[in-house]
Amino acid sequence: MSPSVERRSLILRGVLDLCLLALLKEKPVYGYELTERLAERDLLVAGGSSYPLLARLEKAGLVESESRRSDSGPPRKYYSLTDDGRTALAEGTAEWFTVTRGVTALLAPITETTSGEEIA
């Protein structure tokens, strides 16, 4: 795995809970659909990463689940945000923007010249 892909993966792992909560804020969603919706936003996550995290979020009371019939197979487990989940999402989002502002302030002055050399 290239260093940039590894870095991206590590960053995403650190905020995947917020990403899932944000998607669930829109509407109840089943697990595989969450993975698809992340991929639509260029956030590639293996399905095996989402399900354990959803279980932890449910255990923490941030999401709840219900089984619903499916027209194309067995019932699906749909997840939705709880009130505590909405609070956690708001708090986590504020933390995310605080961190990203600091990182952006550090990295923004670095630009590339036309020859590809970095300058500060």
C-alpha atoms as a PDB file:
ATOM      1  CA  MET A   1       0.000   0.000   0.000  1.00  0.00           C
ATOM      2  CA  SER A   2       1.388   3.404  -0.949  1.00  0.00           C
ATOM      3  CA  PRO A   3       2.047   5.913   1.840  1.00  0.00           C
ATOM      4  CA  SER A   4      -0.723   8.230   0.580  1.00  0.00           C
ATOM      5  CA  VAL A   5      -3.293   5.425   0.463  1.00  0.00           C
ATOM      6  CA  GLU A   6      -2.235   4.265   3.924  1.00  0.00           C
ATOM      7  CA  ARG A   7      -2.491   7.832   5.285  1.00  0.00           C
ATOM      8  CA  ARG A   8      -5.949   8.249   3.781  1.00  0.00           C
ATOM      9  CA  SER A   9      -7.055   4.944   5.307  1.00  0.00           C
ATOM     10  CA  LEU A  10      -5.770   5.938   8.754  1.00  0.00           C
ATOM     11  CA  ILE A  11      -7.498   9.318   8.593  1.00  0.00           C
ATOM     12  CA  LEU A  12     -10.769   7.721   7.523  1.00  0.00           C
ATOM     13  CA  ARG A  13     -10.570   5.125  10.299  1.00  0.00           C
ATOM     14  CA  GLY A  14     -10.292   7.977  12.774  1.00  0.00           C
ATOM     15  CA  VAL A  15     -13.527   9.609  11.615  1.00  0.00           C
ATOM     16  CA  LEU A  16     -15.500   6.671  10.229  1.00  0.00           C
ATOM     17  CA  ASP A  17     -17.873   6.785  13.186  1.00  0.00           C
ATOM     18  CA  LEU A  18     -18.731  10.412  12.356  1.00  0.00           C
ATOM     19  CA  CYS A  19     -19.205   9.551   8.695  1.00  0.00           C
ATOM     20  CA  LEU A  20     -21.624   6.744   9.558  1.00  0.00           C
ATOM     21  CA  LEU A  21     -23.524   8.931  12.006  1.00  0.00           C
ATOM     22  CA  ALA A  22     -23.770  11.685   9.370  1.00  0.00           C
ATOM     23  CA  LEU A  23     -25.223   9.256   6.826  1.00  0.00           C
ATOM     24  CA  LEU A  24     -27.694   7.938   9.383  1.00  0.00           C
ATOM     25  CA  LYS A  25     -28.813  11.476  10.186  1.00  0.00           C
ATOM     26  CA  GLU A  26     -30.335  11.626   6.703  1.00  0.00           C
ATOM     27  CA  LYS A  27     -32.436   8.457   7.020  1.00  0.00           C
ATOM     28  CA  PRO A  28     -32.317   4.866   8.340  1.00  0.00           C
ATOM     29  CA  VAL A  29     -29.938   2.779   6.252  1.00  0.00           C
ATOM     30  CA  TYR A  30     -28.832  -0.856   6.166  1.00  0.00           C
ATOM     31  CA  GLY A  31     -25.162  -1.745   6.561  1.00  0.00           C
ATOM     32  CA  TYR A  32     -24.163  -2.482   2.989  1.00  0.00           C
ATOM     33  CA  GLU A  33     -25.913   0.657   1.760  1.00  0.00           C
ATOM     34  CA  LEU A  34     -23.793   2.700   4.179  1.00  0.00           C
ATOM     35  CA  THR A  35     -20.649   1.288   2.567  1.00  0.00           C
ATOM     36  CA  GLU A  36     -22.009   2.125  -0.893  1.00  0.00           C
ATOM     37  CA  ARG A  37     -22.918   5.666   0.132  1.00  0.00           C
ATOM     38  CA  LEU A  38     -19.433   6.205   1.553  1.00  0.00           C
ATOM     39  CA  ALA A  39     -17.911   4.941  -1.709  1.00  0.00           C
ATOM     40  CA  GLU A  40     -20.058   7.443  -3.658  1.00  0.00           C
ATOM     41  CA  ARG A  41     -18.185  10.130  -1.732  1.00  0.00           C
ATOM     42  CA  ASP A  42     -14.769   8.575  -2.502  1.00  0.00           C
ATOM     43  CA  LEU A  43     -14.540   7.176   1.023  1.00  0.00           C
ATOM     44  CA  LEU A  44     -13.691   3.552   0.353  1.00  0.00           C
ATOM     45  CA  VAL A  45     -14.365   1.301   3.329  1.00  0.00           C
ATOM     46  CA  ALA A  46     -14.559  -2.468   3.413  1.00  0.00           C
ATOM     47  CA  GLY A  47     -17.924  -3.758   4.569  1.00  0.00           C
ATOM     48  CA  GLY A  48     -16.076  -5.653   7.266  1.00  0.00           C
ATOM     49  CA  SER A  49     -15.060  -2.322   8.819  1.00  0.00           C
ATOM     50  CA  SER A  50     -18.552  -0.864   8.985  1.00  0.00           C
ATOM     51  CA  TYR A  51     -20.388  -3.694  10.733  1.00  0.00           C
ATOM     52  CA  PRO A  52     -18.216  -3.937  13.869  1.00  0.00           C
ATOM     53  CA  LEU A  53     -18.331  -0.144  14.182  1.00  0.00           C
ATOM     54  CA  LEU A  54     -22.123  -0.141  13.799  1.00  0.00           C
ATOM     55  CA  ALA A  55     -22.314  -2.751  16.566  1.00  0.00           C
ATOM     56  CA  ARG A  56     -20.152  -0.551  18.836  1.00  0.00           C
ATOM     57  CA  LEU A  57     -22.255   2.513  18.026  1.00  0.00           C
ATOM     58  CA  GLU A  58     -25.398   0.550  18.840  1.00  0.00           C
ATOM     59  CA  LYS A  59     -23.936  -0.734  22.113  1.00  0.00           C
ATOM     60  CA  ALA A  60     -23.034   2.868  23.011  1.00  0.00           C
ATOM     61  CA  GLY A  61     -26.640   3.938  22.360  1.00  0.00           C
ATOM     62  CA  LEU A  62     -25.751   6.201  19.422  1.00  0.00           C
ATOM     63  CA  VAL A  63     -27.672   4.152  16.857  1.00  0.00           C
ATOM     64  CA  GLU A  64     -30.525   1.703  17.023  1.00  0.00           C
ATOM     65  CA  SER A  65     -31.461  -1.034  14.619  1.00  0.00           C
ATOM     66  CA  GLU A  66     -34.537  -2.798  13.379  1.00  0.00           C
ATOM     67  CA  SER A  67     -34.997  -5.711  11.035  1.00  0.00           C
ATOM     68  CA  ARG A  68     -37.018  -4.989   7.896  1.00  0.00           C
ATOM     69  CA  ARG A  69     -38.245  -7.287   5.156  1.00  0.00           C
ATOM     70  CA  SER A  70     -36.419  -7.173   1.864  1.00  0.00           C
ATOM     71  CA  ASP A  71     -37.930  -7.799  -1.558  1.00  0.00           C
ATOM     72  CA  SER A  72     -34.676  -9.340  -2.736  1.00  0.00           C
ATOM     73  CA  GLY A  73     -33.697 -11.757   0.024  1.00  0.00           C
ATOM     74  CA  PRO A  74     -33.530 -12.115   3.786  1.00  0.00           C
ATOM     75  CA  PRO A  75     -34.527  -9.287   6.141  1.00  0.00           C
ATOM     76  CA  ARG A  76     -32.086  -6.389   6.428  1.00  0.00           C
ATOM     77  CA  LYS A  77     -30.946  -4.669   9.587  1.00  0.00           C
ATOM     78  CA  TYR A  78     -31.591  -0.929   9.277  1.00  0.00           C
ATOM     79  CA  TYR A  79     -29.751   1.514  11.501  1.00  0.00           C
ATOM     80  CA  SER A  80     -30.981   4.928  12.607  1.00  0.00           C
ATOM     81  CA  LEU A  81     -29.578   7.705  14.751  1.00  0.00           C
ATOM     82  CA  THR A  82     -30.693   8.103  18.372  1.00  0.00           C
ATOM     83  CA  ASP A  83     -30.863  11.433  20.201  1.00  0.00           C
ATOM     84  CA  ASP A  84     -27.526  10.583  21.842  1.00  0.00           C
ATOM     85  CA  GLY A  85     -26.183   9.838  18.355  1.00  0.00           C
ATOM     86  CA  ARG A  86     -27.259  13.282  17.154  1.00  0.00           C
ATOM     87  CA  THR A  87     -25.454  14.857  20.104  1.00  0.00           C
ATOM     88  CA  ALA A  88     -22.326  12.775  19.470  1.00  0.00           C
ATOM     89  CA  LEU A  89     -22.416  13.751  15.794  1.00  0.00           C
ATOM     90  CA  ALA A  90     -22.667  17.462  16.627  1.00  0.00           C
ATOM     91  CA  GLU A  91     -19.833  17.256  19.168  1.00  0.00           C
ATOM     92  CA  GLY A  92     -17.651  15.118  16.897  1.00  0.00           C
ATOM     93  CA  THR A  93     -18.237  17.451  13.971  1.00  0.00           C
ATOM     94  CA  ALA A  94     -17.122  20.432  16.060  1.00  0.00           C
ATOM     95  CA  GLU A  95     -13.980  18.513  17.100  1.00  0.00           C
ATOM     96  CA  TRP A  96     -13.297  17.551  13.466  1.00  0.00           C
ATOM     97  CA  PHE A  97     -13.479  21.155  12.276  1.00  0.00           C
ATOM     98  CA  THR A  98     -11.221  22.320  15.112  1.00  0.00           C
ATOM     99  CA  VAL A  99      -8.589  19.761  14.130  1.00  0.00           C
ATOM    100  CA  THR A 100      -8.905  20.362  10.391  1.00  0.00           C
ATOM    101  CA  ARG A 101      -8.614  24.143  10.844  1.00  0.00           C
ATOM    102  CA  GLY A 102      -5.318  23.634  12.677  1.00  0.00           C
ATOM    103  CA  VAL A 103      -3.979  21.157  10.128  1.00  0.00           C
ATOM    104  CA  THR A 104      -5.093  23.339   7.214  1.00  0.00           C
ATOM    105  CA  ALA A 105      -3.407  26.388   8.746  1.00  0.00           C
ATOM    106  CA  LEU A 106      -0.203  24.375   8.951  1.00  0.00           C
ATOM    107  CA  LEU A 107      -0.354  22.870   5.464  1.00  0.00           C
ATOM    108  CA  ALA A 108      -2.009  25.630   3.404  1.00  0.00           C
ATOM    109  CA  PRO A 109       1.127  27.759   3.016  1.00  0.00           C
ATOM    110  CA  ILE A 110       2.858  24.861   1.260  1.00  0.00           C
ATOM    111  CA  THR A 111       2.394  25.187  -2.469  1.00  0.00           C
ATOM    112  CA  GLU A 112       4.003  23.680  -5.531  1.00  0.00           C
ATOM    113  CA  THR A 113       5.930  25.718  -8.015  1.00  0.00           C
ATOM    114  CA  THR A 114       5.610  25.021 -11.690  1.00  0.00           C
ATOM    115  CA  SER A 115       8.765  22.907 -11.519  1.00  0.00           C
ATOM    116  CA  GLY A 116       7.193  20.690  -8.851  1.00  0.00           C
ATOM    117  CA  GLU A 117       9.392  21.892  -5.979  1.00  0.00           C
ATOM    118  CA  GLU A 118       7.677  22.605  -2.704  1.00  0.00           C
ATOM    119  CA  ILE A 119       8.069  26.039  -1.192  1.00  0.00           C
ATOM    120  CA  ALA A 120       6.934  27.475   2.100  1.00  0.00           C
END
